[in-house]
């Protein structure tokens, strides 16, 4: 059985995480025109190419770039579903 805890009983050192939906848009900078394009996490995690909405250049994140992105989000308390 779960019981709510009073505020003074909660350990303040615990981190709170937010689970991001796969539909969250992440701004990704185009390698060609250096402008940002919003791309969903689902598309990035599937390693699908995406089209820059400014210059129409096809871009893709490498596996290393995706891992860096997910690690940075994780450091700020954002998690993604596996």
PDB file of N, CA and C in Angstrom:
ATOM      1  N   UNK A   1       0.839  -1.160   0.000  1.00  0.00           N
ATOM      2  CA  UNK A   1       0.000   0.000   0.000  1.00  0.00           C
ATOM      3  C   UNK A   1       0.898   1.241   0.000  1.00  0.00           C
ATOM      4  N   UNK A   2       0.575   2.223  -0.821  1.00  0.00           N
ATOM      5  CA  UNK A   2       1.345   3.458  -0.899  1.00  0.00           C
ATOM      6  C   UNK A   2       0.660   4.554  -0.111  1.00  0.00           C
ATOM      7  N   UNK A   3       1.454   5.294   0.640  1.00  0.00           N
ATOM      8  CA  UNK A   3       0.944   6.421   1.406  1.00  0.00           C
ATOM      9  C   UNK A   3       1.695   7.670   0.989  1.00  0.00           C
ATOM     10  N   UNK A   4       0.998   8.785   0.846  1.00  0.00           N
ATOM     11  CA  UNK A   4       1.704  10.024   0.521  1.00  0.00           C
ATOM     12  C   UNK A   4       2.594  10.438   1.690  1.00  0.00           C
ATOM     13  N   UNK A   5       3.716  11.031   1.380  1.00  0.00           N
ATOM     14  CA  UNK A   5       4.638  11.503   2.403  1.00  0.00           C
ATOM     15  C   UNK A   5       4.482  13.000   2.589  1.00  0.00           C
ATOM     16  N   UNK A   6       4.644  13.434   3.808  1.00  0.00           N
ATOM     17  CA  UNK A   6       4.647  14.868   4.062  1.00  0.00           C
ATOM     18  C   UNK A   6       5.900  15.467   3.444  1.00  0.00           C
ATOM     19  N   UNK A   7       5.852  16.719   3.119  1.00  0.00           N
ATOM     20  CA  UNK A   7       6.960  17.384   2.438  1.00  0.00           C
ATOM     21  C   UNK A   7       8.265  17.283   3.211  1.00  0.00           C
ATOM     22  N   UNK A   8       8.209  17.369   4.541  1.00  0.00           N
ATOM     23  CA  UNK A   8       9.446  17.318   5.312  1.00  0.00           C
ATOM     24  C   UNK A   8      10.055  15.926   5.336  1.00  0.00           C
ATOM     25  N   UNK A   9       9.307  14.900   4.949  1.00  0.00           N
ATOM     26  CA  UNK A   9       9.808  13.526   4.937  1.00  0.00           C
ATOM     27  C   UNK A   9      10.493  13.151   3.622  1.00  0.00           C
ATOM     28  N   UNK A  10      10.312  13.951   2.607  1.00  0.00           N
ATOM     29  CA  UNK A  10      10.868  13.634   1.292  1.00  0.00           C
ATOM     30  C   UNK A  10      12.351  13.987   1.274  1.00  0.00           C
ATOM     31  N   UNK A  11      13.158  13.068   0.782  1.00  0.00           N
ATOM     32  CA  UNK A  11      14.593  13.285   0.669  1.00  0.00           C
ATOM     33  C   UNK A  11      14.839  14.325  -0.427  1.00  0.00           C
ATOM     34  N   UNK A  12      15.411  15.459  -0.074  1.00  0.00           N
ATOM     35  CA  UNK A  12      15.632  16.547  -1.016  1.00  0.00           C
ATOM     36  C   UNK A  12      16.755  16.251  -2.003  1.00  0.00           C
ATOM     37  N   UNK A  13      17.588  15.246  -1.718  1.00  0.00           N
ATOM     38  CA  UNK A  13      18.706  14.931  -2.598  1.00  0.00           C
ATOM     39  C   UNK A  13      18.281  14.087  -3.794  1.00  0.00           C
ATOM     40  N   UNK A  14      17.087  13.513  -3.776  1.00  0.00           N
ATOM     41  CA  UNK A  14      16.619  12.703  -4.900  1.00  0.00           C
ATOM     42  C   UNK A  14      16.311  13.615  -6.077  1.00  0.00           C
ATOM     43  N   UNK A  15      16.680  13.144  -7.256  1.00  0.00           N
ATOM     44  CA  UNK A  15      16.387  13.915  -8.454  1.00  0.00           C
ATOM     45  C   UNK A  15      15.036  13.505  -9.013  1.00  0.00           C
ATOM     46  N   UNK A  16      14.347  14.465  -9.562  1.00  0.00           N
ATOM     47  CA  UNK A  16      13.074  14.201 -10.219  1.00  0.00           C
ATOM     48  C   UNK A  16      13.332  14.198 -11.715  1.00  0.00           C
ATOM     49  N   UNK A  17      12.851  13.177 -12.399  1.00  0.00           N
ATOM     50  CA  UNK A  17      13.030  13.065 -13.843  1.00  0.00           C
ATOM     51  C   UNK A  17      11.701  13.238 -14.548  1.00  0.00           C
ATOM     52  N   UNK A  18      11.776  13.723 -15.755  1.00  0.00           N
ATOM     53  CA  UNK A  18      10.615  13.866 -16.619  1.00  0.00           C
ATOM     54  C   UNK A  18      10.802  12.937 -17.803  1.00  0.00           C
ATOM     55  N   UNK A  19       9.823  12.100 -18.063  1.00  0.00           N
ATOM     56  CA  UNK A  19       9.892  11.198 -19.212  1.00  0.00           C
ATOM     57  C   UNK A  19       9.317  11.936 -20.418  1.00  0.00           C
ATOM     58  N   UNK A  20      10.133  12.074 -21.448  1.00  0.00           N
ATOM     59  CA  UNK A  20       9.719  12.792 -22.645  1.00  0.00           C
ATOM     60  C   UNK A  20       8.985  11.860 -23.606  1.00  0.00           C
ATOM     61  N   UNK A  21       7.955  12.383 -24.213  1.00  0.00           N
ATOM     62  CA  UNK A  21       7.228  11.665 -25.245  1.00  0.00           C
ATOM     63  C   UNK A  21       8.111  11.556 -26.488  1.00  0.00           C
ATOM     64  N   UNK A  22       7.866  10.547 -27.285  1.00  0.00           N
ATOM     65  CA  UNK A  22       8.585  10.386 -28.546  1.00  0.00           C
ATOM     66  C   UNK A  22       8.238  11.499 -29.538  1.00  0.00           C
ATOM     67  N   UNK A  23       7.150  12.213 -29.275  1.00  0.00           N
ATOM     68  CA  UNK A  23       6.705  13.269 -30.185  1.00  0.00           C
ATOM     69  C   UNK A  23       7.274  14.641 -29.844  1.00  0.00           C
ATOM     70  N   UNK A  24       8.100  14.721 -28.789  1.00  0.00           N
ATOM     71  CA  UNK A  24       8.728  15.987 -28.422  1.00  0.00           C
ATOM     72  C   UNK A  24       9.649  16.427 -29.546  1.00  0.00           C
ATOM     73  N   UNK A  25       9.553  17.708 -29.902  1.00  0.00           N
ATOM     74  CA  UNK A  25      10.395  18.245 -30.962  1.00  0.00           C
ATOM     75  C   UNK A  25      11.670  18.835 -30.382  1.00  0.00           C
ATOM     76  N   UNK A  26      12.791  18.470 -30.991  1.00  0.00           N
ATOM     77  CA  UNK A  26      14.102  18.937 -30.566  1.00  0.00           C
ATOM     78  C   UNK A  26      14.676  19.787 -31.695  1.00  0.00           C
ATOM     79  N   UNK A  27      15.159  21.001 -31.390  1.00  0.00           N
ATOM     80  CA  UNK A  27      15.766  21.809 -32.454  1.00  0.00           C
ATOM     81  C   UNK A  27      17.149  21.259 -32.827  1.00  0.00           C
ATOM     82  N   UNK A  28      17.333  20.935 -34.098  1.00  0.00           N
ATOM     83  CA  UNK A  28      18.603  20.418 -34.609  1.00  0.00           C
ATOM     84  C   UNK A  28      19.127  21.402 -35.650  1.00  0.00           C
ATOM     85  N   UNK A  29      20.389  21.781 -35.508  1.00  0.00           N
ATOM     86  CA  UNK A  29      20.997  22.751 -36.427  1.00  0.00           C
ATOM     87  C   UNK A  29      21.445  22.055 -37.708  1.00  0.00           C
ATOM     88  N   UNK A  30      21.055  22.621 -38.823  1.00  0.00           N
ATOM     89  CA  UNK A  30      21.422  22.089 -40.142  1.00  0.00           C
ATOM     90  C   UNK A  30      22.915  22.296 -40.373  1.00  0.00           C
ATOM     91  N   UNK A  31      23.580  21.282 -40.902  1.00  0.00           N
ATOM     92  CA  UNK A  31      25.006  21.372 -41.208  1.00  0.00           C
ATOM     93  C   UNK A  31      25.284  22.325 -42.359  1.00  0.00           C
ATOM     94  N   UNK A  32      24.291  22.539 -43.221  1.00  0.00           N
ATOM     95  CA  UNK A  32      24.491  23.342 -44.423  1.00  0.00           C
ATOM     96  C   UNK A  32      24.226  24.828 -44.181  1.00  0.00           C
ATOM     97  N   UNK A  33      23.035  25.173 -43.658  1.00  0.00           N
ATOM     98  CA  UNK A  33      22.659  26.584 -43.516  1.00  0.00           C
ATOM     99  C   UNK A  33      22.769  27.106 -42.074  1.00  0.00           C
ATOM    100  N   UNK A  34      23.048  26.218 -41.112  1.00  0.00           N
ATOM    101  CA  UNK A  34      23.211  26.571 -39.696  1.00  0.00           C
ATOM    102  C   UNK A  34      21.941  27.115 -39.051  1.00  0.00           C
ATOM    103  N   UNK A  35      20.791  26.787 -39.601  1.00  0.00           N
ATOM    104  CA  UNK A  35      19.503  27.170 -39.020  1.00  0.00           C
ATOM    105  C   UNK A  35      18.913  25.949 -38.313  1.00  0.00           C
ATOM    106  N   UNK A  36      18.050  26.187 -37.318  1.00  0.00           N
ATOM    107  CA  UNK A  36      17.440  25.100 -36.558  1.00  0.00           C
ATOM    108  C   UNK A  36      16.170  24.584 -37.222  1.00  0.00           C
ATOM    109  N   UNK A  37      16.004  23.272 -37.164  1.00  0.00           N
ATOM    110  CA  UNK A  37      14.802  22.587 -37.609  1.00  0.00           C
ATOM    111  C   UNK A  37      14.331  21.704 -36.466  1.00  0.00           C
ATOM    112  N   UNK A  38      13.030  21.750 -36.162  1.00  0.00           N
ATOM    113  CA  UNK A  38      12.478  20.918 -35.091  1.00  0.00           C
ATOM    114  C   UNK A  38      12.219  19.511 -35.618  1.00  0.00           C
ATOM    115  N   UNK A  39      12.793  18.527 -34.920  1.00  0.00           N
ATOM    116  CA  UNK A  39      12.683  17.123 -35.316  1.00  0.00           C
ATOM    117  C   UNK A  39      12.219  16.331 -34.094  1.00  0.00           C
ATOM    118  N   UNK A  40      11.294  15.382 -34.285  1.00  0.00           N
ATOM    119  CA  UNK A  40      10.792  14.594 -33.159  1.00  0.00           C
ATOM    120  C   UNK A  40      11.848  13.610 -32.667  1.00  0.00           C
ATOM    121  N   UNK A  41      11.777  13.297 -31.381  1.00  0.00           N
ATOM    122  CA  UNK A  41      12.690  12.308 -30.807  1.00  0.00           C
ATOM    123  C   UNK A  41      12.536  10.955 -31.481  1.00  0.00           C
ATOM    124  N   UNK A  42      11.315  10.602 -31.853  1.00  0.00           N
ATOM    125  CA  UNK A  42      11.084   9.319 -32.514  1.00  0.00           C
ATOM    126  C   UNK A  42      11.878   9.225 -33.808  1.00  0.00           C
ATOM    127  N   UNK A  43      11.859  10.304 -34.589  1.00  0.00           N
ATOM    128  CA  UNK A  43      12.580  10.301 -35.864  1.00  0.00           C
ATOM    129  C   UNK A  43      14.095  10.241 -35.626  1.00  0.00           C
ATOM    130  N   UNK A  44      14.561  10.950 -34.623  1.00  0.00           N
ATOM    131  CA  UNK A  44      15.996  10.936 -34.329  1.00  0.00           C
ATOM    132  C   UNK A  44      16.452   9.568 -33.844  1.00  0.00           C
ATOM    133  N   UNK A  45      15.662   8.947 -32.959  1.00  0.00           N
ATOM    134  CA  UNK A  45      16.042   7.653 -32.410  1.00  0.00           C
ATOM    135  C   UNK A  45      15.998   6.543 -33.457  1.00  0.00           C
ATOM    136  N   UNK A  46      15.192   6.707 -34.493  1.00  0.00           N
ATOM    137  CA  UNK A  46      15.126   5.705 -35.563  1.00  0.00           C
ATOM    138  C   UNK A  46      16.192   5.950 -36.623  1.00  0.00           C
ATOM    139  N   UNK A  47      17.014   6.983 -36.405  1.00  0.00           N
ATOM    140  CA  UNK A  47      18.098   7.346 -37.325  1.00  0.00           C
ATOM    141  C   UNK A  47      17.591   7.654 -38.729  1.00  0.00           C
ATOM    142  N   UNK A  48      16.390   8.211 -38.791  1.00  0.00           N
ATOM    143  CA  UNK A  48      15.838   8.597 -40.081  1.00  0.00           C
ATOM    144  C   UNK A  48      16.391   9.959 -40.494  1.00  0.00           C
ATOM    145  N   UNK A  49      16.628  10.148 -41.771  1.00  0.00           N
ATOM    146  CA  UNK A  49      17.073  11.474 -42.226  1.00  0.00           C
ATOM    147  C   UNK A  49      15.925  12.476 -42.082  1.00  0.00           C
ATOM    148  N   UNK A  50      16.278  13.727 -41.869  1.00  0.00           N
ATOM    149  CA  UNK A  50      15.263  14.775 -41.780  1.00  0.00           C
ATOM    150  C   UNK A  50      15.639  15.913 -42.709  1.00  0.00           C
ATOM    151  N   UNK A  51      14.645  16.634 -43.140  1.00  0.00           N
ATOM    152  CA  UNK A  51      14.803  17.699 -44.125  1.00  0.00           C
ATOM    153  C   UNK A  51      14.847  19.041 -43.404  1.00  0.00           C
ATOM    154  N   UNK A  52      15.852  19.846 -43.700  1.00  0.00           N
ATOM    155  CA  UNK A  52      15.927  21.191 -43.134  1.00  0.00           C
ATOM    156  C   UNK A  52      14.775  22.010 -43.709  1.00  0.00           C
ATOM    157  N   UNK A  53      14.039  22.687 -42.838  1.00  0.00           N
ATOM    158  CA  UNK A  53      12.893  23.467 -43.317  1.00  0.00           C
ATOM    159  C   UNK A  53      13.305  24.805 -43.916  1.00  0.00           C
ATOM    160  N   UNK A  54      14.606  25.109 -43.931  1.00  0.00           N
ATOM    161  CA  UNK A  54      15.080  26.378 -44.480  1.00  0.00           C
ATOM    162  C   UNK A  54      15.756  26.201 -45.843  1.00  0.00           C
ATOM    163  N   UNK A  55      16.676  25.232 -45.939  1.00  0.00           N
ATOM    164  CA  UNK A  55      17.414  25.053 -47.195  1.00  0.00           C
ATOM    165  C   UNK A  55      17.092  23.717 -47.875  1.00  0.00           C
ATOM    166  N   UNK A  56      16.266  22.886 -47.246  1.00  0.00           N
ATOM    167  CA  UNK A  56      15.830  21.592 -47.782  1.00  0.00           C
ATOM    168  C   UNK A  56      16.977  20.590 -47.940  1.00  0.00           C
ATOM    169  N   UNK A  57      18.033  20.786 -47.175  1.00  0.00           N
ATOM    170  CA  UNK A  57      19.151  19.840 -47.145  1.00  0.00           C
ATOM    171  C   UNK A  57      18.743  18.633 -46.295  1.00  0.00           C
ATOM    172  N   UNK A  58      19.091  17.436 -46.731  1.00  0.00           N
ATOM    173  CA  UNK A  58      18.798  16.228 -45.966  1.00  0.00           C
ATOM    174  C   UNK A  58      19.909  16.037 -44.936  1.00  0.00           C
ATOM    175  N   UNK A  59      19.518  15.873 -43.670  1.00  0.00           N
ATOM    176  CA  UNK A  59      20.462  15.700 -42.567  1.00  0.00           C
ATOM    177  C   UNK A  59      20.135  14.424 -41.812  1.00  0.00           C
ATOM    178  N   UNK A  60      21.103  13.940 -41.056  1.00  0.00           N
ATOM    179  CA  UNK A  60      20.916  12.754 -40.217  1.00  0.00           C
ATOM    180  C   UNK A  60      21.899  12.862 -39.055  1.00  0.00           C
ATOM    181  N   UNK A  61      21.435  12.486 -37.857  1.00  0.00           N
ATOM    182  CA  UNK A  61      22.335  12.441 -36.701  1.00  0.00           C
ATOM    183  C   UNK A  61      23.084  11.119 -36.704  1.00  0.00           C
ATOM    184  N   UNK A  62      24.363  11.177 -36.386  1.00  0.00           N
ATOM    185  CA  UNK A  62      25.130   9.944 -36.231  1.00  0.00           C
ATOM    186  C   UNK A  62      24.758   9.313 -34.892  1.00  0.00           C
ATOM    187  N   UNK A  63      25.153   8.062 -34.695  1.00  0.00           N
ATOM    188  CA  UNK A  63      24.881   7.384 -33.423  1.00  0.00           C
ATOM    189  C   UNK A  63      25.538   8.122 -32.259  1.00  0.00           C
ATOM    190  N   UNK A  64      26.738   8.632 -32.471  1.00  0.00           N
ATOM    191  CA  UNK A  64      27.448   9.368 -31.413  1.00  0.00           C
ATOM    192  C   UNK A  64      26.714  10.664 -31.071  1.00  0.00           C
ATOM    193  N   UNK A  65      26.235  11.379 -32.089  1.00  0.00           N
ATOM    194  CA  UNK A  65      25.501  12.622 -31.842  1.00  0.00           C
ATOM    195  C   UNK A  65      24.204  12.351 -31.084  1.00  0.00           C
ATOM    196  N   UNK A  66      23.522  11.267 -31.426  1.00  0.00           N
ATOM    197  CA  UNK A  66      22.288  10.907 -30.739  1.00  0.00           C
ATOM    198  C   UNK A  66      22.573  10.571 -29.278  1.00  0.00           C
ATOM    199  N   UNK A  67      23.639   9.831 -29.019  1.00  0.00           N
ATOM    200  CA  UNK A  67      23.994   9.492 -27.638  1.00  0.00           C
ATOM    201  C   UNK A  67      24.332  10.737 -26.826  1.00  0.00           C
ATOM    202  N   UNK A  68      25.046  11.673 -27.431  1.00  0.00           N
ATOM    203  CA  UNK A  68      25.366  12.930 -26.742  1.00  0.00           C
ATOM    204  C   UNK A  68      24.082  13.684 -26.422  1.00  0.00           C
ATOM    205  N   UNK A  69      23.166  13.762 -27.376  1.00  0.00           N
ATOM    206  CA  UNK A  69      21.890  14.443 -27.161  1.00  0.00           C
ATOM    207  C   UNK A  69      21.120  13.810 -26.004  1.00  0.00           C
ATOM    208  N   UNK A  70      21.007  12.485 -25.995  1.00  0.00           N
ATOM    209  CA  UNK A  70      20.265  11.790 -24.940  1.00  0.00           C
ATOM    210  C   UNK A  70      20.965  11.938 -23.586  1.00  0.00           C
ATOM    211  N   UNK A  71      22.297  11.938 -23.575  1.00  0.00           N
ATOM    212  CA  UNK A  71      23.039  12.126 -22.327  1.00  0.00           C
ATOM    213  C   UNK A  71      22.852  13.533 -21.773  1.00  0.00           C
ATOM    214  N   UNK A  72      22.860  14.528 -22.637  1.00  0.00           N
ATOM    215  CA  UNK A  72      22.650  15.911 -22.184  1.00  0.00           C
ATOM    216  C   UNK A  72      21.233  16.073 -21.639  1.00  0.00           C
ATOM    217  N   UNK A  73      20.249  15.525 -22.327  1.00  0.00           N
ATOM    218  CA  UNK A  73      18.880  15.579 -21.815  1.00  0.00           C
ATOM    219  C   UNK A  73      18.788  14.891 -20.459  1.00  0.00           C
ATOM    220  N   UNK A  74      19.474  13.754 -20.322  1.00  0.00           N
ATOM    221  CA  UNK A  74      19.462  13.014 -19.057  1.00  0.00           C
ATOM    222  C   UNK A  74      20.077  13.803 -17.919  1.00  0.00           C
ATOM    223  N   UNK A  75      21.116  14.550 -18.202  1.00  0.00           N
ATOM    224  CA  UNK A  75      21.754  15.376 -17.151  1.00  0.00           C
ATOM    225  C   UNK A  75      20.824  16.459 -16.642  1.00  0.00           C
ATOM    226  N   UNK A  76      19.907  16.911 -17.489  1.00  0.00           N
ATOM    227  CA  UNK A  76      18.955  17.932 -17.086  1.00  0.00           C
ATOM    228  C   UNK A  76      17.658  17.351 -16.570  1.00  0.00           C
ATOM    229  N   UNK A  77      17.618  16.028 -16.344  1.00  0.00           N
ATOM    230  CA  UNK A  77      16.464  15.394 -15.734  1.00  0.00           C
ATOM    231  C   UNK A  77      15.410  14.903 -16.706  1.00  0.00           C
ATOM    232  N   UNK A  78      15.743  14.836 -17.995  1.00  0.00           N
ATOM    233  CA  UNK A  78      14.793  14.363 -18.995  1.00  0.00           C
ATOM    234  C   UNK A  78      15.197  12.969 -19.443  1.00  0.00           C
ATOM    235  N   UNK A  79      14.259  12.047 -19.429  1.00  0.00           N
ATOM    236  CA  UNK A  79      14.502  10.670 -19.859  1.00  0.00           C
ATOM    237  C   UNK A  79      13.602  10.378 -21.047  1.00  0.00           C
ATOM    238  N   UNK A  80      14.000   9.407 -21.846  1.00  0.00           N
ATOM    239  CA  UNK A  80      13.181   8.983 -22.979  1.00  0.00           C
ATOM    240  C   UNK A  80      12.840   7.513 -22.803  1.00  0.00           C
ATOM    241  N   UNK A  81      11.746   7.104 -23.410  1.00  0.00           N
ATOM    242  CA  UNK A  81      11.392   5.688 -23.353  1.00  0.00           C
ATOM    243  C   UNK A  81      12.361   4.923 -24.241  1.00  0.00           C
ATOM    244  N   UNK A  82      12.584   3.669 -23.932  1.00  0.00           N
ATOM    245  CA  UNK A  82      13.555   2.858 -24.682  1.00  0.00           C
ATOM    246  C   UNK A  82      12.980   2.349 -25.946  1.00  0.00           C
TER     247      UNK A  82
END
